C-alpha cells in the first residue's frame, strides 16, 4: 500500500473568517480513536460550533462534530466529545498568554489529513463587531465588481 502524501481537506469553517479577525494560525495534531479516523476518511465532519480551549497546560478541541462510523460496533465514539490537540509546550504557553487578553479566542479553521495524519488548523482570533462584518462584505463585493469591470473591458478590447 502506498504511503499517503499531501494535504486532503475534510472540513473548513468559512464562518470563522467572517466572524473573527484572524491574528495567527497554528497547525495541531489530534488524538483520535480508530472509528473517528475512519469517519474522517469518509470526509464527514463539521467545525461549525467548534472552539479550542487551553486547560491544565493542554489544548482541547470542543464541539467539533465527527459523526459515528457507519461500520462501527460498540467501540464507536461519541460525535461531539472533546479531543486533545497536540502542540509544543512553547506554543501552548504563547496561546495561553494571548487568550487571556480580552476578546481573544481560539477557533478551528480547517480539519485535514497531512501525509496520512489528521491535523486541525486553529486560529488565534478576535471577534468582529457587526459593522466590521458589513465592511468586510462591502469590500468583497467592491473587489468582485471591479474584477468584473476589468474582465469586461478586456473582452471588449479583444473583440
C-alpha atoms as a PDB file:
ATOM      1  CA  UNK A   1       0.000   0.000   0.000  1.00  0.00           C
ATOM      2  CA  UNK A   2       1.423   3.398  -0.999  1.00  0.00           C
ATOM      3  CA  UNK A   3       2.001   5.967   1.720  1.00  0.00           C
ATOM      4  CA  UNK A   4      -0.445   8.884   1.610  1.00  0.00           C
ATOM      5  CA  UNK A   5       1.177  12.262   0.859  1.00  0.00           C
ATOM      6  CA  UNK A   6      -0.063  15.821   0.541  1.00  0.00           C
ATOM      7  CA  UNK A   7      -2.977  17.611   2.128  1.00  0.00           C
ATOM      8  CA  UNK A   8      -6.565  16.338   1.873  1.00  0.00           C
ATOM      9  CA  UNK A   9      -9.160  18.780   3.223  1.00  0.00           C
ATOM     10  CA  UNK A  10     -12.009  17.236   5.223  1.00  0.00           C
ATOM     11  CA  UNK A  11     -13.865  20.266   6.591  1.00  0.00           C
ATOM     12  CA  UNK A  12     -13.364  24.002   6.901  1.00  0.00           C
ATOM     13  CA  UNK A  13     -15.014  26.720   8.939  1.00  0.00           C
ATOM     14  CA  UNK A  14     -15.808  29.536   6.487  1.00  0.00           C
ATOM     15  CA  UNK A  15     -17.961  31.311   9.041  1.00  0.00           C
ATOM     16  CA  UNK A  16     -14.960  31.798  11.355  1.00  0.00           C
ATOM     17  CA  UNK A  17     -13.225  34.040   8.809  1.00  0.00           C
ATOM     18  CA  UNK A  18     -16.426  36.093   8.589  1.00  0.00           C
ATOM     19  CA  UNK A  19     -16.996  36.392  12.350  1.00  0.00           C
ATOM     20  CA  UNK A  20     -13.403  36.904  13.540  1.00  0.00           C
ATOM     21  CA  UNK A  21     -10.239  38.866  12.757  1.00  0.00           C
ATOM     22  CA  UNK A  22      -7.639  36.097  12.315  1.00  0.00           C
ATOM     23  CA  UNK A  23      -4.450  37.139  14.134  1.00  0.00           C
ATOM     24  CA  UNK A  24      -2.321  33.966  13.934  1.00  0.00           C
ATOM     25  CA  UNK A  25      -2.755  30.332  12.813  1.00  0.00           C
ATOM     26  CA  UNK A  26      -1.340  27.080  14.173  1.00  0.00           C
ATOM     27  CA  UNK A  27      -1.318  23.508  12.885  1.00  0.00           C
ATOM     28  CA  UNK A  28      -2.097  20.900  15.540  1.00  0.00           C
ATOM     29  CA  UNK A  29      -2.216  17.145  15.604  1.00  0.00           C
ATOM     30  CA  UNK A  30      -5.264  15.416  17.060  1.00  0.00           C
ATOM     31  CA  UNK A  31      -5.619  12.478  19.427  1.00  0.00           C
ATOM     32  CA  UNK A  32      -8.378  10.376  17.819  1.00  0.00           C
ATOM     33  CA  UNK A  33      -9.842   6.899  18.174  1.00  0.00           C
ATOM     34  CA  UNK A  34      -9.886   4.431  15.265  1.00  0.00           C
ATOM     35  CA  UNK A  35     -13.551   4.958  14.394  1.00  0.00           C
ATOM     36  CA  UNK A  36     -13.058   8.747  14.334  1.00  0.00           C
ATOM     37  CA  UNK A  37     -10.236   8.406  11.807  1.00  0.00           C
ATOM     38  CA  UNK A  38     -12.335   6.086   9.645  1.00  0.00           C
ATOM     39  CA  UNK A  39     -15.248   8.518   9.752  1.00  0.00           C
ATOM     40  CA  UNK A  40     -12.906  11.387   8.766  1.00  0.00           C
ATOM     41  CA  UNK A  41     -11.512   9.332   5.873  1.00  0.00           C
ATOM     42  CA  UNK A  42     -15.082   9.181   4.559  1.00  0.00           C
ATOM     43  CA  UNK A  43     -14.933  13.005   4.522  1.00  0.00           C
ATOM     44  CA  UNK A  44     -17.507  13.586   7.237  1.00  0.00           C
ATOM     45  CA  UNK A  45     -17.009  16.311   9.853  1.00  0.00           C
ATOM     46  CA  UNK A  46     -18.309  19.736  10.851  1.00  0.00           C
ATOM     47  CA  UNK A  47     -16.423  22.590  12.526  1.00  0.00           C
ATOM     48  CA  UNK A  48     -19.406  24.952  12.759  1.00  0.00           C
ATOM     49  CA  UNK A  49     -19.799  25.158  16.558  1.00  0.00           C
ATOM     50  CA  UNK A  50     -16.218  24.161  17.343  1.00  0.00           C
ATOM     51  CA  UNK A  51     -13.814  26.018  19.602  1.00  0.00           C
ATOM     52  CA  UNK A  52     -10.472  25.314  21.256  1.00  0.00           C
ATOM     53  CA  UNK A  53      -9.655  25.752  24.919  1.00  0.00           C
ATOM     54  CA  UNK A  54      -6.472  25.605  26.964  1.00  0.00           C
ATOM     55  CA  UNK A  55      -6.949  23.729  30.229  1.00  0.00           C
ATOM     56  CA  UNK A  56      -4.324  22.453  32.642  1.00  0.00           C
ATOM     57  CA  UNK A  57      -1.448  23.052  30.239  1.00  0.00           C
ATOM     58  CA  UNK A  58      -3.173  21.084  27.465  1.00  0.00           C
ATOM     59  CA  UNK A  59      -5.110  22.156  24.372  1.00  0.00           C
ATOM     60  CA  UNK A  60      -8.598  20.722  23.796  1.00  0.00           C
ATOM     61  CA  UNK A  61     -10.942  20.894  20.827  1.00  0.00           C
ATOM     62  CA  UNK A  62     -14.633  21.114  21.804  1.00  0.00           C
ATOM     63  CA  UNK A  63     -17.920  20.710  19.868  1.00  0.00           C
ATOM     64  CA  UNK A  64     -16.371  19.506  16.609  1.00  0.00           C
ATOM     65  CA  UNK A  65     -18.848  17.059  15.105  1.00  0.00           C
ATOM     66  CA  UNK A  66     -17.316  13.850  13.744  1.00  0.00           C
ATOM     67  CA  UNK A  67     -20.262  11.526  13.072  1.00  0.00           C
ATOM     68  CA  UNK A  68     -20.196   7.928  14.251  1.00  0.00           C
ATOM     69  CA  UNK A  69     -18.568   5.476  11.840  1.00  0.00           C
ATOM     70  CA  UNK A  70     -21.298   3.622   9.955  1.00  0.00           C
ATOM     71  CA  UNK A  71     -19.498   0.240  10.158  1.00  0.00           C
ATOM     72  CA  UNK A  72     -18.595   0.740  13.831  1.00  0.00           C
ATOM     73  CA  UNK A  73     -19.736  -1.527  16.640  1.00  0.00           C
ATOM     74  CA  UNK A  74     -19.976  -0.910  20.378  1.00  0.00           C
ATOM     75  CA  UNK A  75     -16.484   0.643  20.163  1.00  0.00           C
ATOM     76  CA  UNK A  76     -17.872   3.660  18.268  1.00  0.00           C
ATOM     77  CA  UNK A  77     -17.052   7.145  19.557  1.00  0.00           C
ATOM     78  CA  UNK A  78     -19.459   9.872  20.661  1.00  0.00           C
ATOM     79  CA  UNK A  79     -19.880  12.505  17.943  1.00  0.00           C
ATOM     80  CA  UNK A  80     -19.136  15.686  19.926  1.00  0.00           C
ATOM     81  CA  UNK A  81     -16.610  14.576  22.550  1.00  0.00           C
ATOM     82  CA  UNK A  82     -13.705  16.847  23.453  1.00  0.00           C
ATOM     83  CA  UNK A  83     -10.476  15.902  21.686  1.00  0.00           C
ATOM     84  CA  UNK A  84      -6.911  16.610  22.726  1.00  0.00           C
ATOM     85  CA  UNK A  85      -4.788  18.728  20.368  1.00  0.00           C
ATOM     86  CA  UNK A  86      -1.044  18.175  20.089  1.00  0.00           C
ATOM     87  CA  UNK A  87       1.023  21.360  20.343  1.00  0.00           C
ATOM     88  CA  UNK A  88       4.530  22.185  21.531  1.00  0.00           C
ATOM     89  CA  UNK A  89       4.785  23.499  25.096  1.00  0.00           C
ATOM     90  CA  UNK A  90       6.072  26.901  23.877  1.00  0.00           C
ATOM     91  CA  UNK A  91       3.044  27.243  21.563  1.00  0.00           C
ATOM     92  CA  UNK A  92       0.638  26.379  24.381  1.00  0.00           C
ATOM     93  CA  UNK A  93       2.271  28.928  26.699  1.00  0.00           C
ATOM     94  CA  UNK A  94       2.154  31.602  23.991  1.00  0.00           C
ATOM     95  CA  UNK A  95      -1.519  30.878  23.226  1.00  0.00           C
ATOM     96  CA  UNK A  96      -2.399  30.854  26.927  1.00  0.00           C
ATOM     97  CA  UNK A  97      -0.929  34.344  27.352  1.00  0.00           C
ATOM     98  CA  UNK A  98      -2.728  35.652  24.247  1.00  0.00           C
ATOM     99  CA  UNK A  99      -6.153  34.143  25.030  1.00  0.00           C
ATOM    100  CA  UNK A 100      -6.204  35.741  28.462  1.00  0.00           C
ATOM    101  CA  UNK A 101      -6.351  39.131  26.731  1.00  0.00           C
ATOM    102  CA  UNK A 102      -9.889  40.458  26.377  1.00  0.00           C
ATOM    103  CA  UNK A 103     -11.755  39.344  23.273  1.00  0.00           C
ATOM    104  CA  UNK A 104      -9.238  36.755  22.050  1.00  0.00           C
ATOM    105  CA  UNK A 105     -10.297  33.185  21.396  1.00  0.00           C
ATOM    106  CA  UNK A 106      -9.173  30.021  19.603  1.00  0.00           C
ATOM    107  CA  UNK A 107     -11.298  28.819  16.679  1.00  0.00           C
ATOM    108  CA  UNK A 108     -10.739  25.855  14.349  1.00  0.00           C
ATOM    109  CA  UNK A 109     -10.410  26.872  10.689  1.00  0.00           C
ATOM    110  CA  UNK A 110      -9.811  23.571   8.897  1.00  0.00           C
ATOM    111  CA  UNK A 111      -9.637  19.840   9.505  1.00  0.00           C
ATOM    112  CA  UNK A 112      -7.480  17.843   7.090  1.00  0.00           C
ATOM    113  CA  UNK A 113      -5.127  14.923   6.560  1.00  0.00           C
ATOM    114  CA  UNK A 114      -1.471  15.829   6.033  1.00  0.00           C
ATOM    115  CA  UNK A 115       0.727  12.927   4.952  1.00  0.00           C
ATOM    116  CA  UNK A 116      -1.846  10.498   6.376  1.00  0.00           C
ATOM    117  CA  UNK A 117      -2.186  12.173   9.790  1.00  0.00           C
ATOM    118  CA  UNK A 118      -5.248  14.100  10.973  1.00  0.00           C
ATOM    119  CA  UNK A 119      -4.483  17.774  11.620  1.00  0.00           C
ATOM    120  CA  UNK A 120      -6.543  20.787  12.637  1.00  0.00           C
ATOM    121  CA  UNK A 121      -5.676  24.375  11.829  1.00  0.00           C
ATOM    122  CA  UNK A 122      -6.624  26.658  14.712  1.00  0.00           C
ATOM    123  CA  UNK A 123      -6.528  30.433  14.764  1.00  0.00           C
ATOM    124  CA  UNK A 124      -5.967  32.976  17.466  1.00  0.00           C
ATOM    125  CA  UNK A 125      -8.832  35.322  16.687  1.00  0.00           C
ATOM    126  CA  UNK A 126     -10.610  38.421  17.916  1.00  0.00           C
ATOM    127  CA  UNK A 127     -14.357  38.789  17.400  1.00  0.00           C
ATOM    128  CA  UNK A 128     -15.588  41.264  14.797  1.00  0.00           C
ATOM    129  CA  UNK A 129     -18.257  43.817  15.529  1.00  0.00           C
ATOM    130  CA  UNK A 130     -21.340  43.901  13.295  1.00  0.00           C
ATOM    131  CA  UNK A 131     -20.121  46.960  11.378  1.00  0.00           C
ATOM    132  CA  UNK A 132     -16.769  45.202  10.720  1.00  0.00           C
ATOM    133  CA  UNK A 133     -18.644  42.283   9.151  1.00  0.00           C
ATOM    134  CA  UNK A 134     -20.621  44.650   6.909  1.00  0.00           C
ATOM    135  CA  UNK A 135     -17.418  46.477   5.929  1.00  0.00           C
ATOM    136  CA  UNK A 136     -15.703  43.198   5.007  1.00  0.00           C
ATOM    137  CA  UNK A 137     -18.704  42.134   2.923  1.00  0.00           C
ATOM    138  CA  UNK A 138     -18.789  45.526   1.168  1.00  0.00           C
ATOM    139  CA  UNK A 139     -15.050  45.313   0.343  1.00  0.00           C
ATOM    140  CA  UNK A 140     -15.517  41.813  -1.048  1.00  0.00           C
ATOM    141  CA  UNK A 141     -18.414  42.958  -3.278  1.00  0.00           C
ATOM    142  CA  UNK A 142     -16.451  46.017  -4.477  1.00  0.00           C
ATOM    143  CA  UNK A 143     -13.471  43.827  -5.365  1.00  0.00           C
ATOM    144  CA  UNK A 144     -15.740  41.422  -7.263  1.00  0.00           C
ATOM    145  CA  UNK A 145     -17.400  44.278  -9.213  1.00  0.00           C
ATOM    146  CA  UNK A 146     -14.003  45.783 -10.095  1.00  0.00           C
ATOM    147  CA  UNK A 147     -12.765  42.409 -11.360  1.00  0.00           C
ATOM    148  CA  UNK A 148     -15.905  42.022 -13.493  1.00  0.00           C
ATOM    149  CA  UNK A 149     -15.452  45.509 -14.967  1.00  0.00           C
ATOM    150  CA  UNK A 150     -11.794  44.818 -15.806  1.00  0.00           C
ATOM    151  CA  UNK A 151     -12.573  41.478 -17.448  1.00  0.00           C
ATOM    152  CA  UNK A 152     -15.442  43.051 -19.451  1.00  0.00           C
ATOM    153  CA  UNK A 153     -13.101  45.815 -20.663  1.00  0.00           C
ATOM    154  CA  UNK A 154     -10.526  43.220 -21.726  1.00  0.00           C
ATOM    155  CA  UNK A 155     -13.185  41.259 -23.619  1.00  0.00           C
ATOM    156  CA  UNK A 156     -14.237  44.418 -25.486  1.00  0.00           C
ATOM    157  CA  UNK A 157     -10.590  45.153 -26.405  1.00  0.00           C
ATOM    158  CA  UNK A 158     -10.146  41.678 -27.903  1.00  0.00           C
ATOM    159  CA  UNK A 159     -13.318  41.923 -29.991  1.00  0.00           C
END
